[in-house]
Amino acid sequence: MAFYDPIADTVKKLTPAELKKLADTKLTDLVQQEVPRARKRVLELEQRYPSAGVRERAQRLIDEKKHVASMTGGIFGAFGLVALPMDLTVMAWLQLTLLVDIATLYKVNLKGTHALNELLDLYGYTTGVGTLQRSGPRVLGKVAEVLLQKGGMQTLGRAMPLVAAPVTAYLNNQHIQKVGDNAVRFYEGFHKAHAKTRAASHK
């Protein structure tokens, strides 16, 4: 049985009002809200695939977010330009939750200020927003704007909904994989350094 991320059900139930609230929430608050959920997802993943390595589990987390991103791209893409802000807000949120998941998988304590700042720096880098205003609202909305600016063909395709749905699903998929790959590369280094510290303390 494949690993299923319950975030898919959450996304399906999001209303425009809830999406606006999501876009207006401080990024640091979104991360802290997501930490306990990420722990549950990672625990389920570890129980379901006990013999899998960390990288394989990370890819499973990425694949599940890609599935959700494709689903939302297909749904919102079918509505054309009018749904573009909603799709991009969900995408910005999915990318953030994926980073929280992968950080949690690599045993990073996101309750600490340093680790939280590192994650937000990584989020700014992988989404192309750059240095983020951590405590202010509307950061998720800002990421959505950057995704819109970079969309090009994606935005143009929404004028033709039947074409836009599969194209948007594909592009959403690509964005999620890129964010996941960057996170794995970043936290692999953290993981190895942590393992060395542990080994040294047991000598």
Protein backbone atom coordinates (compact mmCIF):
# COMPACT_ATOMS: atom_id res chain seq x y z
CA MET A 1 0.00 0.00 0.00
CA ALA A 2 1.44 3.39 -1.03
CA PHE A 3 2.09 6.17 1.45
CA TYR A 4 -0.81 8.62 1.48
CA ASP A 5 -0.38 12.20 2.62
CA PRO A 6 -3.57 13.50 4.33
CA ILE A 7 -2.69 17.00 3.10
CA ALA A 8 -4.47 16.01 -0.13
CA ASP A 9 -7.79 15.97 1.74
CA THR A 10 -7.01 19.36 3.30
CA VAL A 11 -6.30 20.91 -0.11
CA LYS A 12 -9.55 19.56 -1.58
CA LYS A 13 -11.54 21.29 1.17
CA LEU A 14 -9.83 24.70 0.96
CA THR A 15 -12.27 27.52 0.23
CA PRO A 16 -11.24 30.88 -1.32
CA ALA A 17 -11.63 32.50 2.15
CA GLU A 18 -9.35 29.87 3.72
CA LEU A 19 -6.80 30.35 0.95
CA LYS A 20 -6.76 34.09 1.59
CA LYS A 21 -6.25 33.46 5.31
CA LEU A 22 -3.41 31.06 4.43
CA ALA A 23 -1.75 33.69 2.22
CA ASP A 24 -2.02 36.28 5.01
CA THR A 25 -0.51 34.10 7.76
CA LYS A 26 3.06 34.70 8.93
CA LEU A 27 5.46 32.17 7.49
CA THR A 28 6.93 31.34 10.90
CA ASP A 29 3.42 30.56 12.19
CA LEU A 30 2.73 28.31 9.20
CA VAL A 31 5.92 26.35 9.88
CA GLN A 32 5.10 25.88 13.57
CA GLN A 33 1.56 24.78 12.71
CA GLU A 34 2.95 22.23 10.30
CA VAL A 35 5.65 20.70 12.57
CA PRO A 36 3.35 18.31 14.53
CA ARG A 37 1.64 17.23 11.30
CA ALA A 38 5.02 16.61 9.69
CA ARG A 39 6.06 14.43 12.63
CA LYS A 40 2.96 12.28 12.13
CA ARG A 41 3.58 11.98 8.38
CA VAL A 42 7.24 11.04 8.88
CA LEU A 43 6.40 8.52 11.63
CA GLU A 44 3.83 6.84 9.38
CA LEU A 45 6.35 6.78 6.54
CA GLU A 46 9.04 5.20 8.74
CA GLN A 47 6.59 2.57 9.98
CA ARG A 48 5.37 1.77 6.47
CA TYR A 49 8.87 1.54 4.98
CA PRO A 50 11.13 0.38 7.85
CA SER A 51 13.93 -0.85 5.57
CA ALA A 52 13.99 2.26 3.34
CA GLY A 53 16.89 4.71 3.59
CA VAL A 54 16.39 8.37 4.41
CA ARG A 55 16.73 9.44 0.78
CA GLU A 56 14.11 6.95 -0.38
CA ARG A 57 11.72 8.19 2.31
CA ALA A 58 12.44 11.78 1.28
CA GLN A 59 11.55 10.94 -2.32
CA ARG A 60 8.30 9.35 -1.16
CA LEU A 61 7.43 12.59 0.63
CA ILE A 62 8.29 14.53 -2.54
CA ASP A 63 6.24 12.14 -4.72
CA GLU A 64 3.17 12.50 -2.51
CA LYS A 65 3.40 16.31 -2.61
CA LYS A 66 3.83 16.06 -6.40
CA HIS A 67 0.64 14.03 -6.52
CA VAL A 68 -1.22 16.73 -4.58
CA ALA A 69 0.36 19.49 -6.72
CA SER A 70 -0.72 17.72 -9.92
CA MET A 71 -4.21 17.29 -8.53
CA THR A 72 -4.55 20.99 -7.65
CA GLY A 73 -2.98 22.03 -10.95
CA GLY A 74 -5.56 19.95 -12.79
CA ILE A 75 -8.45 21.31 -10.73
CA PHE A 76 -7.48 24.99 -10.83
CA GLY A 77 -6.06 24.81 -14.35
CA ALA A 78 -9.47 23.79 -15.67
CA PHE A 79 -10.88 27.12 -14.48
CA GLY A 80 -8.38 29.21 -16.44
CA LEU A 81 -7.00 32.57 -15.35
CA VAL A 82 -9.58 33.19 -12.64
CA ALA A 83 -8.17 30.36 -10.50
CA LEU A 84 -4.50 31.24 -10.96
CA PRO A 85 -3.99 33.00 -7.58
CA MET A 86 -5.61 30.05 -5.76
CA ASP A 87 -3.43 27.46 -7.48
CA LEU A 88 -0.23 29.41 -6.83
CA THR A 89 -1.09 30.00 -3.17
CA VAL A 90 -1.63 26.26 -2.69
CA MET A 91 1.66 25.60 -4.50
CA ALA A 92 3.54 28.03 -2.24
CA TRP A 93 2.04 26.30 0.80
CA LEU A 94 2.80 22.80 -0.50
CA GLN A 95 6.43 23.76 -1.07
CA LEU A 96 6.69 25.03 2.50
CA THR A 97 5.08 21.90 3.98
CA LEU A 98 7.43 19.71 1.93
CA LEU A 99 10.45 21.53 3.40
CA VAL A 100 9.05 21.02 6.91
CA ASP A 101 8.49 17.31 6.15
CA ILE A 102 12.02 16.79 4.86
CA ALA A 103 13.60 18.75 7.71
CA THR A 104 11.61 16.60 10.15
CA LEU A 105 12.69 13.43 8.35
CA TYR A 106 16.32 14.49 8.83
CA LYS A 107 15.68 15.04 12.58
CA VAL A 108 15.99 18.84 12.44
CA ASN A 109 14.43 20.60 15.44
CA LEU A 110 12.38 23.39 13.86
CA LYS A 111 11.42 24.75 17.27
CA GLY A 112 14.91 26.25 17.41
CA THR A 113 15.41 29.72 15.91
CA HIS A 114 18.55 28.80 13.94
CA ALA A 115 16.97 25.75 12.28
CA LEU A 116 13.79 27.71 11.53
CA ASN A 117 15.76 30.54 9.92
CA GLU A 118 17.73 28.03 7.84
CA LEU A 119 14.50 26.48 6.58
CA LEU A 120 13.06 29.89 5.66
CA ASP A 121 16.30 30.83 3.87
CA LEU A 122 16.07 27.56 1.96
CA TYR A 123 12.42 28.31 1.13
CA GLY A 124 13.33 31.75 -0.18
CA TYR A 125 16.14 30.27 -2.28
CA THR A 126 14.21 27.35 -3.76
CA THR A 127 11.14 29.42 -4.65
CA GLY A 128 13.18 32.27 -6.12
CA VAL A 129 11.86 34.88 -3.70
CA GLY A 130 15.23 35.46 -2.08
CA THR A 131 15.59 36.75 1.48
CA LEU A 132 12.26 36.57 3.25
CA GLN A 133 10.60 38.86 5.74
CA ARG A 134 10.13 36.14 8.31
CA SER A 135 7.71 37.72 10.75
CA GLY A 136 5.50 39.65 8.34
CA PRO A 137 2.29 38.37 6.76
CA ARG A 138 1.68 37.89 3.03
CA VAL A 139 4.95 36.02 2.41
CA LEU A 140 3.04 33.07 0.98
CA GLY A 141 1.24 35.53 -1.28
CA LYS A 142 4.62 36.93 -2.33
CA VAL A 143 5.87 33.46 -3.26
CA ALA A 144 2.70 32.99 -5.31
CA GLU A 145 3.46 36.26 -7.13
CA VAL A 146 6.98 35.09 -7.96
CA LEU A 147 5.62 31.78 -9.25
CA LEU A 148 3.20 33.79 -11.41
CA GLN A 149 6.00 35.96 -12.81
CA LYS A 150 8.05 32.88 -13.64
CA GLY A 151 5.05 31.02 -15.08
CA GLY A 152 5.10 32.50 -18.58
CA MET A 153 3.72 29.65 -20.65
CA GLN A 154 1.76 28.42 -17.66
CA THR A 155 -0.08 31.73 -17.34
CA LEU A 156 -0.67 31.93 -21.07
CA GLY A 157 -2.02 28.38 -21.12
CA ARG A 158 -4.76 29.26 -18.68
CA ALA A 159 -6.57 31.18 -21.39
CA MET A 160 -7.27 27.71 -22.85
CA PRO A 161 -8.52 25.66 -19.87
CA LEU A 162 -8.44 22.23 -21.52
CA VAL A 163 -4.76 22.71 -22.33
CA ALA A 164 -4.03 24.47 -19.05
CA ALA A 165 -5.09 21.64 -16.73
CA PRO A 166 -2.46 19.05 -17.82
CA VAL A 167 0.20 21.71 -18.41
CA THR A 168 -0.33 23.26 -14.98
CA ALA A 169 -0.28 19.82 -13.34
CA TYR A 170 3.06 19.06 -15.05
CA LEU A 171 4.65 22.40 -14.10
CA ASN A 172 3.45 22.08 -10.49
CA ASN A 173 5.11 18.67 -10.43
CA GLN A 174 8.40 20.12 -11.64
CA HIS A 175 8.38 22.89 -9.00
CA ILE A 176 7.78 20.42 -6.16
CA GLN A 177 10.58 18.10 -7.30
CA LYS A 178 13.02 21.02 -7.49
CA VAL A 179 12.17 22.18 -3.95
CA GLY A 180 12.45 18.61 -2.66
CA ASP A 181 15.82 18.02 -4.33
CA ASN A 182 17.24 21.23 -2.88
CA ALA A 183 15.98 20.32 0.59
CA VAL A 184 17.48 16.82 0.44
CA ARG A 185 20.85 18.19 -0.67
CA PHE A 186 20.80 20.76 2.14
CA TYR A 187 19.70 18.42 4.93
CA GLU A 188 21.94 15.55 3.77
CA GLY A 189 24.88 17.72 4.87
CA PHE A 190 23.18 18.42 8.19
CA HIS A 191 22.41 14.71 8.64
CA LYS A 192 26.01 13.62 7.99
CA ALA A 193 27.41 16.24 10.36
CA HIS A 194 24.94 15.11 13.03
CA ALA A 195 25.93 11.45 12.54
CA LYS A 196 29.62 12.35 12.94
CA THR A 197 28.88 14.23 16.17
CA ARG A 198 26.94 11.25 17.50
CA ALA A 199 29.73 8.85 16.60
CA ALA A 200 32.32 11.05 18.27
CA SER A 201 30.26 11.27 21.49
CA HIS A 202 30.06 7.48 21.72
CA LYS A 203 33.81 6.95 21.50
